[in-house]
Protein backbone atom coordinates (compact mmCIF):
# COMPACT_ATOMS: atom_id res chain seq x y z
CA MET A 1 -27.34 -8.16 2.84
CA LEU A 2 -28.60 -6.84 6.18
CA ARG A 3 -25.02 -6.14 7.23
CA VAL A 4 -24.43 -4.03 4.10
CA ALA A 5 -27.71 -2.17 4.60
CA PHE A 6 -26.79 -1.32 8.20
CA ALA A 7 -23.39 0.04 7.14
CA ALA A 8 -25.06 2.18 4.46
CA LEU A 9 -27.52 3.42 7.09
CA ILE A 10 -24.66 4.45 9.38
CA PHE A 11 -22.96 6.28 6.52
CA PHE A 12 -26.01 8.21 5.28
CA ALA A 13 -27.31 8.90 8.79
CA THR A 14 -23.94 10.40 9.71
CA LEU A 15 -23.98 12.62 6.63
CA ALA A 16 -27.56 13.69 7.36
CA VAL A 17 -26.67 14.72 10.91
CA ILE A 18 -23.62 16.61 9.63
CA MET A 19 -25.71 18.58 7.14
CA ILE A 20 -28.91 19.13 9.15
CA ARG A 21 -27.31 19.40 12.62
CA PRO A 22 -30.42 18.44 14.66
CA TYR A 23 -30.30 19.85 18.19
CA ARG A 24 -27.11 21.64 17.07
CA VAL A 25 -25.09 18.42 17.11
CA PRO A 26 -21.55 19.41 16.04
CA GLU A 27 -20.15 17.94 12.83
CA ALA A 28 -17.29 16.38 14.76
CA GLY A 29 -19.71 14.65 17.13
CA ALA A 30 -21.68 13.18 14.23
CA ALA A 31 -18.52 11.87 12.53
CA VAL A 32 -17.12 10.34 15.72
CA GLY A 33 -20.49 8.76 16.51
CA GLY A 34 -20.66 7.21 13.05
CA ALA A 35 -17.11 5.89 13.41
CA LEU A 36 -17.94 4.28 16.76
CA LEU A 37 -20.98 2.57 15.21
CA MET A 38 -18.75 1.23 12.44
CA LEU A 39 -16.41 -0.20 15.06
CA LEU A 40 -19.24 -1.66 17.15
CA GLY A 41 -20.75 -3.22 14.02
CA GLY A 42 -17.48 -4.99 13.28
CA TYR A 43 -16.96 -3.35 9.90
CA LEU A 44 -13.35 -2.75 10.86
CA LYS A 45 -11.24 -3.57 13.88
CA PRO A 46 -9.82 -0.92 16.25
CA VAL A 47 -6.30 -1.80 15.11
CA GLU A 48 -7.27 -1.19 11.49
CA ALA A 49 -8.95 2.11 12.41
CA LEU A 50 -5.81 3.24 14.21
CA ALA A 51 -3.70 2.27 11.19
CA VAL A 52 -6.01 4.32 8.93
CA LEU A 53 -5.57 7.40 11.12
CA VAL A 54 -1.81 6.99 11.42
CA ARG A 55 -1.53 6.66 7.65
CA GLU A 56 -3.09 10.13 7.27
CA TRP A 57 -0.48 11.88 9.46
CA ASN A 58 0.47 14.21 6.60
CA ILE A 59 -3.03 15.71 6.30
CA TYR A 60 -3.23 16.21 10.09
CA GLY A 61 0.12 17.98 10.18
CA PHE A 62 -0.74 20.09 7.15
CA LEU A 63 -4.05 21.25 8.61
CA LEU A 64 -2.52 22.13 11.98
CA GLY A 65 0.35 24.04 10.41
CA LEU A 66 -1.97 25.74 7.92
CA MET A 67 -4.38 26.98 10.59
CA ALA A 68 -1.49 28.24 12.70
CA ILE A 69 0.10 30.08 9.75
CA SER A 70 -3.20 31.75 8.80
CA ALA A 71 -3.97 32.82 12.36
CA LEU A 72 -0.45 34.15 12.97
CA ALA A 73 -0.41 36.07 9.70
CA ASP A 74 -3.75 37.59 10.63
CA GLN A 75 -2.43 38.76 14.00
CA ALA A 76 0.52 40.40 12.24
CA GLY A 77 -1.92 42.44 10.13
CA ILE A 78 -0.99 40.86 6.79
CA PHE A 79 -4.51 40.39 5.47
CA GLU A 80 -5.70 43.81 6.56
CA ALA A 81 -2.68 45.40 4.86
CA LEU A 82 -3.36 43.51 1.64
CA ALA A 83 -6.97 44.71 1.59
CA LEU A 84 -5.93 48.31 2.28
CA HIS A 85 -3.31 48.18 -0.47
CA ALA A 86 -6.01 46.89 -2.83
CA GLY A 87 -8.00 49.99 -1.94
CA ARG A 88 -5.04 52.15 -2.91
CA TRP A 89 -4.42 50.19 -6.12
CA GLY A 90 -8.08 50.66 -7.12
CA ARG A 91 -7.53 54.46 -7.25
CA GLY A 92 -11.11 55.20 -6.36
CA ASP A 93 -12.70 52.85 -8.94
CA ALA A 94 -14.92 50.20 -7.31
CA ARG A 95 -14.50 47.89 -10.30
CA ALA A 96 -10.69 48.03 -10.11
CA LEU A 97 -10.87 47.42 -6.35
CA TYR A 98 -13.12 44.42 -6.99
CA VAL A 99 -10.65 42.83 -9.40
CA ALA A 100 -7.73 43.58 -7.02
CA LEU A 101 -9.49 41.86 -4.11
CA PHE A 102 -10.32 38.90 -6.35
CA LEU A 103 -6.61 38.54 -7.21
CA ILE A 104 -5.61 38.83 -3.54
CA GLY A 105 -8.09 36.06 -2.80
CA VAL A 106 -6.48 33.93 -5.51
CA PHE A 107 -3.04 34.47 -3.97
CA ILE A 108 -4.17 33.68 -0.42
CA THR A 109 -6.09 30.60 -1.55
CA ALA A 110 -3.19 29.31 -3.63
CA PHE A 111 -0.71 29.32 -0.74
CA LEU A 112 -2.83 29.31 2.44
CA SER A 113 -5.91 27.33 1.27
CA ASN A 114 -9.53 28.18 0.60
CA ASP A 115 -10.45 28.04 4.29
CA ALA A 116 -7.99 30.86 5.07
CA THR A 117 -9.56 33.03 2.37
CA ALA A 118 -13.08 32.49 3.66
CA LEU A 119 -12.25 32.72 7.35
CA ILE A 120 -9.79 35.62 7.39
CA LEU A 121 -10.16 37.63 4.19
CA THR A 122 -13.97 37.86 4.39
CA PRO A 123 -14.14 39.97 7.61
CA VAL A 124 -11.24 42.12 6.42
CA VAL A 125 -12.94 42.87 3.09
CA TYR A 126 -16.24 43.49 4.89
CA ALA A 127 -14.59 46.12 7.10
CA LEU A 128 -12.94 47.72 4.06
CA VAL A 129 -16.03 48.06 1.87
CA THR A 130 -18.20 49.32 4.73
CA ARG A 131 -15.57 51.96 5.47
CA LEU A 132 -15.61 52.99 1.80
CA ARG A 133 -19.44 52.87 1.68
CA LEU A 134 -19.52 50.45 -1.23
CA PRO A 135 -22.12 47.71 -1.87
CA ILE A 136 -21.23 44.84 0.40
CA MET A 137 -22.62 41.73 -1.26
CA PRO A 138 -20.64 41.75 -4.55
CA PHE A 139 -17.43 41.80 -2.50
CA MET A 140 -18.66 39.14 -0.09
CA PHE A 141 -19.58 36.81 -2.96
CA ALA A 142 -16.12 37.40 -4.42
CA CYS A 143 -14.52 36.14 -1.19
CA THR A 144 -16.36 32.83 -1.07
CA PHE A 145 -16.41 32.04 -4.79
CA ILE A 146 -12.71 32.68 -5.33
CA ALA A 147 -11.93 30.61 -2.23
CA ASN A 148 -13.34 27.57 -4.01
CA THR A 149 -12.53 28.52 -7.61
CA ALA A 150 -8.81 29.03 -6.90
CA SER A 151 -8.50 26.01 -4.61
CA PHE A 152 -6.86 23.74 -7.19
CA ILE A 153 -4.10 26.07 -8.38
CA LEU A 154 -1.58 24.21 -6.20
CA PRO A 155 -1.75 21.02 -4.14
CA VAL A 156 -1.74 23.11 -0.92
CA SER A 157 -4.65 25.30 -2.04
CA ASN A 158 -7.18 22.88 -0.56
CA PRO A 159 -6.70 20.14 2.07
CA ILE A 160 -8.64 17.82 -0.25
CA ASN A 161 -5.83 18.13 -2.81
CA VAL A 162 -3.27 17.00 -0.23
CA LEU A 163 -5.51 14.09 0.75
CA VAL A 164 -5.84 12.94 -2.86
CA LEU A 165 -2.11 13.20 -3.58
CA ASP A 166 -1.31 11.28 -0.39
CA THR A 167 -3.59 8.48 -1.61
CA PHE A 168 -2.63 8.25 -5.27
CA GLY A 169 0.83 9.83 -5.32
CA GLY A 170 1.72 12.31 -8.01
CA ASP A 171 4.02 15.30 -7.95
CA LEU A 172 3.64 19.01 -8.65
CA GLY A 173 4.33 18.50 -12.36
CA THR A 174 1.52 15.97 -12.76
CA PHE A 175 -0.85 18.13 -10.72
CA LEU A 176 -0.14 21.19 -12.87
CA ARG A 177 -0.30 19.17 -16.07
CA TYR A 178 -3.90 18.27 -15.41
CA LEU A 179 -5.16 21.25 -13.40
CA LEU A 180 -3.17 24.37 -14.34
CA LEU A 181 -5.22 25.20 -17.44
CA PRO A 182 -8.58 24.40 -15.75
CA SER A 183 -7.63 26.59 -12.78
CA LEU A 184 -6.55 29.52 -14.97
CA PHE A 185 -9.74 29.27 -17.01
CA SER A 186 -11.94 29.01 -13.90
CA VAL A 187 -10.36 32.00 -12.16
CA GLY A 188 -10.53 34.14 -15.30
CA PHE A 189 -14.11 33.11 -16.03
CA ASN A 190 -15.24 33.69 -12.44
CA VAL A 191 -13.68 37.17 -12.25
CA ALA A 192 -14.96 38.28 -15.67
CA LEU A 193 -18.48 36.94 -15.07
CA PHE A 194 -18.82 38.56 -11.64
CA VAL A 195 -17.53 41.92 -12.90
CA TRP A 196 -20.26 41.75 -15.54
CA LEU A 197 -23.01 40.47 -13.23
CA PHE A 198 -22.33 43.21 -10.65
CA ARG A 199 -21.51 45.92 -13.19
CA ARG A 200 -24.19 48.27 -11.88
CA GLU A 201 -23.11 47.99 -8.24
CA LEU A 202 -19.46 48.53 -9.22
CA ARG A 203 -19.94 51.82 -11.04
CA LEU A 204 -19.31 53.78 -7.82
CA GLN A 205 -16.24 55.77 -6.83
CA TYR A 206 -14.51 56.03 -3.43
CA ASP A 207 -11.74 58.08 -1.83
CA PRO A 208 -8.52 55.99 -1.71
CA HIS A 209 -6.81 58.58 0.51
CA ALA A 210 -9.21 57.69 3.32
CA LEU A 211 -7.29 54.43 3.79
CA ALA A 212 -4.40 54.54 6.23
CA ILE A 213 -1.88 51.70 5.98
CA ALA A 214 0.18 51.59 9.15
CA PRO A 215 0.90 48.27 10.89
CA SER A 216 1.38 48.65 14.63
CA ASP A 217 4.82 46.99 14.57
CA HIS A 218 6.73 47.40 11.31
CA MET A 219 9.50 44.92 12.17
CA TYR A 220 7.07 42.17 13.19
CA PHE A 221 5.03 42.82 10.03
CA ARG A 222 8.09 42.62 7.76
CA LEU A 223 9.49 39.50 9.41
CA THR A 224 6.11 37.81 9.03
CA LEU A 225 6.09 38.69 5.34
CA VAL A 226 9.56 37.19 4.92
CA VAL A 227 8.52 33.96 6.65
CA LEU A 228 5.34 33.72 4.55
CA GLY A 229 7.48 34.05 1.42
CA MET A 230 9.69 31.23 2.67
CA ILE A 231 6.62 29.07 3.39
CA ALA A 232 5.18 29.69 -0.09
CA THR A 233 8.51 28.73 -1.66
CA GLY A 234 8.71 25.69 0.58
CA TYR A 235 5.26 24.52 -0.50
CA VAL A 236 6.22 24.64 -4.17
CA VAL A 237 9.54 22.87 -3.61
CA ALA A 238 7.95 20.21 -1.37
CA SER A 239 5.26 19.52 -3.96
CA ALA A 240 7.87 19.26 -6.71
CA ILE A 241 10.13 16.78 -4.89
CA ARG A 242 7.29 14.87 -3.17
CA LEU A 243 8.25 15.96 0.32
CA PRO A 244 5.26 15.82 2.72
CA VAL A 245 3.78 19.33 2.82
CA SER A 246 3.07 18.94 6.53
CA PHE A 247 6.80 19.45 7.14
CA VAL A 248 6.61 22.86 5.49
CA ALA A 249 3.35 23.85 7.21
CA LEU A 250 4.46 22.85 10.70
CA SER A 251 7.94 24.35 10.28
CA GLY A 252 6.45 27.57 8.93
CA GLY A 253 4.00 27.80 11.80
CA ALA A 254 6.76 27.20 14.34
CA LEU A 255 8.94 29.88 12.73
CA LEU A 256 6.08 32.39 12.81
CA LEU A 257 5.57 31.58 16.49
CA CYS A 258 9.23 32.34 17.17
CA VAL A 259 9.03 35.61 15.21
CA GLY A 260 5.92 36.89 16.95
CA TYR A 261 5.84 35.27 20.40
CA ARG A 262 6.11 38.68 22.12
CA HIS A 263 3.24 40.14 20.13
CA LEU A 264 0.74 37.30 20.12
CA ASP A 265 -2.68 37.06 21.68
CA TRP A 266 -2.39 33.41 22.72
CA ARG A 267 -6.07 32.99 23.58
CA ARG A 268 -7.05 34.31 20.17
CA LEU A 269 -4.56 31.95 18.55
CA SER A 270 -6.07 28.97 20.36
CA ARG A 271 -9.58 30.00 19.27
CA ASP A 272 -8.50 30.43 15.65
CA ILE A 273 -7.36 26.80 15.42
CA SER A 274 -10.36 24.53 14.86
CA TRP A 275 -9.44 21.55 17.03
CA SER A 276 -12.78 19.85 16.36
CA LEU A 277 -11.84 19.58 12.68
CA PHE A 278 -9.39 16.80 13.55
CA LEU A 279 -12.16 14.79 15.21
CA PHE A 280 -14.39 15.34 12.18
CA ILE A 281 -11.91 14.10 9.60
CA SER A 282 -10.81 11.21 11.84
CA GLY A 283 -14.37 10.01 12.15
CA MET A 284 -14.90 10.27 8.39
CA PHE A 285 -11.70 8.35 7.66
CA VAL A 286 -12.88 5.46 9.85
CA ILE A 287 -16.41 5.47 8.39
CA MET A 288 -15.11 5.39 4.84
CA ARG A 289 -12.78 2.49 5.60
CA GLY A 290 -15.73 0.53 7.00
CA VAL A 291 -17.77 1.21 3.86
CA GLU A 292 -14.78 0.37 1.68
CA ASN A 293 -14.27 -2.98 3.44
CA LEU A 294 -17.74 -4.02 2.30
CA GLY A 295 -16.86 -3.33 -1.33
CA LEU A 296 -19.48 -0.59 -1.75
CA THR A 297 -17.08 2.05 -3.02
CA ALA A 298 -15.46 -0.43 -5.42
CA ALA A 299 -18.90 -1.08 -6.89
CA LEU A 300 -19.42 2.66 -7.24
CA GLY A 301 -16.11 3.13 -9.03
CA ASN A 302 -16.68 0.26 -11.43
CA SER A 303 -20.24 1.50 -12.11
CA LEU A 304 -18.77 4.86 -13.05
CA LEU A 305 -16.41 3.20 -15.52
CA HIS A 306 -19.20 1.00 -16.88
CA LEU A 307 -21.46 4.01 -17.51
CA SER A 308 -18.70 5.82 -19.38
CA GLY A 309 -17.84 2.83 -21.60
CA THR A 310 -14.47 2.71 -23.35
CA ASP A 311 -14.31 6.44 -24.10
CA PRO A 312 -12.41 8.35 -21.36
CA LEU A 313 -14.26 11.62 -22.05
CA PRO A 314 -17.60 10.52 -20.54
CA ALA A 315 -15.71 9.05 -17.57
CA VAL A 316 -13.90 12.33 -16.91
CA LEU A 317 -17.13 14.32 -17.27
CA LEU A 318 -18.95 11.93 -14.94
CA ALA A 319 -16.16 12.03 -12.36
CA ALA A 320 -16.02 15.84 -12.34
CA GLY A 321 -19.77 16.43 -12.56
CA GLY A 322 -20.72 13.65 -10.16
CA THR A 323 -18.22 14.78 -7.53
CA ALA A 324 -19.34 18.40 -7.90
CA LEU A 325 -22.98 17.41 -7.44
CA GLY A 326 -22.16 15.07 -4.56
CA ALA A 327 -20.22 17.81 -2.80
CA ASN A 328 -23.45 19.78 -2.51
CA LEU A 329 -25.38 16.78 -1.23
CA ILE A 330 -22.97 15.51 1.42
CA ASN A 331 -20.23 18.21 1.56
CA ASN A 332 -17.04 18.04 -0.48
CA PHE A 333 -14.79 16.39 2.13
CA PRO A 334 -16.96 13.27 2.60
CA MET A 335 -17.57 13.22 -1.17
CA ALA A 336 -13.83 13.32 -1.80
CA LEU A 337 -13.37 10.34 0.52
CA VAL A 338 -16.11 8.44 -1.34
CA ILE A 339 -14.61 9.06 -4.77
CA ILE A 340 -11.06 8.36 -3.57
CA SER A 341 -12.14 5.02 -2.19
CA ALA A 342 -14.12 4.24 -5.36
CA LEU A 343 -11.23 5.02 -7.70
CA ARG A 344 -8.66 3.27 -5.53
CA THR A 345 -10.55 0.01 -5.76
CA ALA A 346 -11.86 0.29 -9.34
CA SER A 347 -10.27 -1.59 -12.23
CA THR A 348 -8.75 0.92 -14.66
CA THR A 349 -5.52 1.82 -16.44
CA VAL A 350 -2.95 4.12 -14.86
CA GLU A 351 -3.56 7.00 -17.29
CA SER A 352 -7.33 6.71 -17.03
CA GLN A 353 -7.12 6.64 -13.25
CA GLU A 354 -4.93 9.78 -13.22
CA ALA A 355 -7.44 11.66 -15.33
CA LEU A 356 -10.36 10.50 -13.17
CA VAL A 357 -8.50 11.43 -9.98
CA TYR A 358 -7.81 14.98 -11.12
CA ALA A 359 -11.31 15.33 -12.57
CA SER A 360 -12.59 14.39 -9.12
CA VAL A 361 -10.34 17.02 -7.52
CA LEU A 362 -11.80 19.56 -9.94
CA GLY A 363 -15.34 18.59 -9.00
CA ALA A 364 -14.70 18.49 -5.26
CA ASP A 365 -13.02 21.91 -5.30
CA LEU A 366 -15.36 23.72 -7.72
CA GLY A 367 -18.63 22.02 -6.81
CA PRO A 368 -19.12 23.86 -3.48
CA ASN A 369 -19.71 27.11 -5.39
CA LEU A 370 -23.12 25.76 -6.33
CA THR A 371 -24.72 25.91 -2.85
CA THR A 372 -23.88 27.16 0.64
CA VAL A 373 -23.33 23.67 2.10
CA GLY A 374 -20.74 22.33 -0.33
CA SER A 375 -17.56 23.06 1.63
CA LEU A 376 -16.29 24.10 5.04
CA ALA A 377 -14.97 27.33 3.51
CA THR A 378 -18.43 28.33 2.25
CA MET A 379 -20.09 27.45 5.57
CA LEU A 380 -17.49 29.50 7.46
CA TRP A 381 -18.17 32.41 5.12
CA LEU A 382 -21.91 32.13 5.75
CA LEU A 383 -21.38 32.10 9.51
CA ILE A 384 -19.19 35.23 9.34
CA LEU A 385 -21.88 37.11 7.41
CA ARG A 386 -24.61 36.05 9.81
CA ARG A 387 -22.61 37.43 12.71
CA ARG A 388 -22.67 40.78 10.88
CA GLY A 389 -26.40 40.70 10.29
CA LEU A 390 -26.26 39.58 6.64
CA GLU A 391 -28.54 36.72 5.61
CA ILE A 392 -27.88 34.94 2.32
CA SER A 393 -30.77 32.90 0.96
CA THR A 394 -30.11 29.52 -0.59
CA LEU A 395 -31.82 30.66 -3.79
CA GLU A 396 -29.70 33.81 -4.05
CA TYR A 397 -26.49 31.79 -3.76
CA LEU A 398 -27.78 29.08 -6.10
CA LYS A 399 -28.49 31.64 -8.84
CA LEU A 400 -24.83 32.67 -8.86
CA GLY A 401 -23.68 29.07 -8.57
CA VAL A 402 -25.70 27.92 -11.56
CA THR A 403 -24.16 30.64 -13.73
CA THR A 404 -20.58 29.64 -12.87
CA VAL A 405 -20.16 26.02 -11.74
CA PRO A 406 -21.54 24.05 -14.74
CA VAL A 407 -19.42 25.98 -17.25
CA MET A 408 -16.24 25.72 -15.15
CA VAL A 409 -16.72 22.01 -14.43
CA VAL A 410 -17.45 21.06 -18.06
CA VAL A 411 -14.63 23.15 -19.56
CA GLY A 412 -12.24 22.03 -16.83
CA ALA A 413 -13.11 18.38 -17.47
CA LEU A 414 -12.53 18.83 -21.19
CA LEU A 415 -9.12 20.38 -20.52
CA ILE A 416 -8.22 17.42 -18.29
CA TRP A 417 -9.37 14.96 -20.97
CA LEU A 418 -7.06 16.63 -23.49
CA GLN A 419 -4.08 15.70 -21.29
CA ILE A 420 -4.74 11.94 -21.48
């Protein structure tokens, strides 16, 4: 019993340090420290820990390729050009511009992940709306909310999706079967609700002719666009035929490097790739295996099934709602690892497990819209705004989250249940 209690202490202490960051301890340092304590406590052997990390090679490759693709596309001016074109498409109407930027965020999130939308689109949109003298905050909230809301359109829209599919299998068809309708509803609901909530701020007009769209190197810009189109196509094909998406991400990043090697700011590229993220997820993988070896996550999964009884609807609602709530307590990546481990070791039928898996994806992806600590994308967004002198209170964000997340999670869960 003492051994189990100590493992639970390591787990929750690690999560607490990650969220609170006492003495500015980096998230990666907390995760690695927790993993070392798991190894020292004998909850798993070093050989087993190494095997766990090797098994996740696809997620490592995908993240590296994804970050490289996003950074290289940014250097080519792709995101700035998209925002400027949105300004032209809006034809001077702030409301039309708002919807256009929402849709651009959906597109970027779908193919380059939610982190790319938060990290790269946010500063671009900030520069655009300040130039046009429009209210800043409605557009900033659009960037972060759509980054999470659209993050389950495709398997590559969120690294968590790739992690889940690597664990449980499943192809593009199965993913879309369960999550296409929930994603379409969530995006439509989010856009419509925000247009209504910010209707007063969006009544303004602006001069679209004040926006000049002129990339510094037209050939480099066009070649980058072509490669991005190839990468997007490759993602869809890879997901359909169950080819590891890391192959597409790494190949796409390498091709973009070849296209733009004469134009690149290499120091900026190195800074744009978050190397510490690999230490963070490695530490969490090891911690979760240690907890799993004790049977704690299996107990959690079976408790979930016991609470829901024989009816799959309560189970789906619990999986989606519980994961969404947990994402705001311990961040969505650790929460995804918890629920993956719980479902992997729980006793259930294949169809029920599929529904619970995709309900958990829904909760892990949508849940972070409730608070500012739910996902890496939201925390990156918050950091970007703070660097520009904008402070977002927890209560202000929570008010928007409460109006969107519960409805999207419940309706999304119901749509998943209908596919069983």
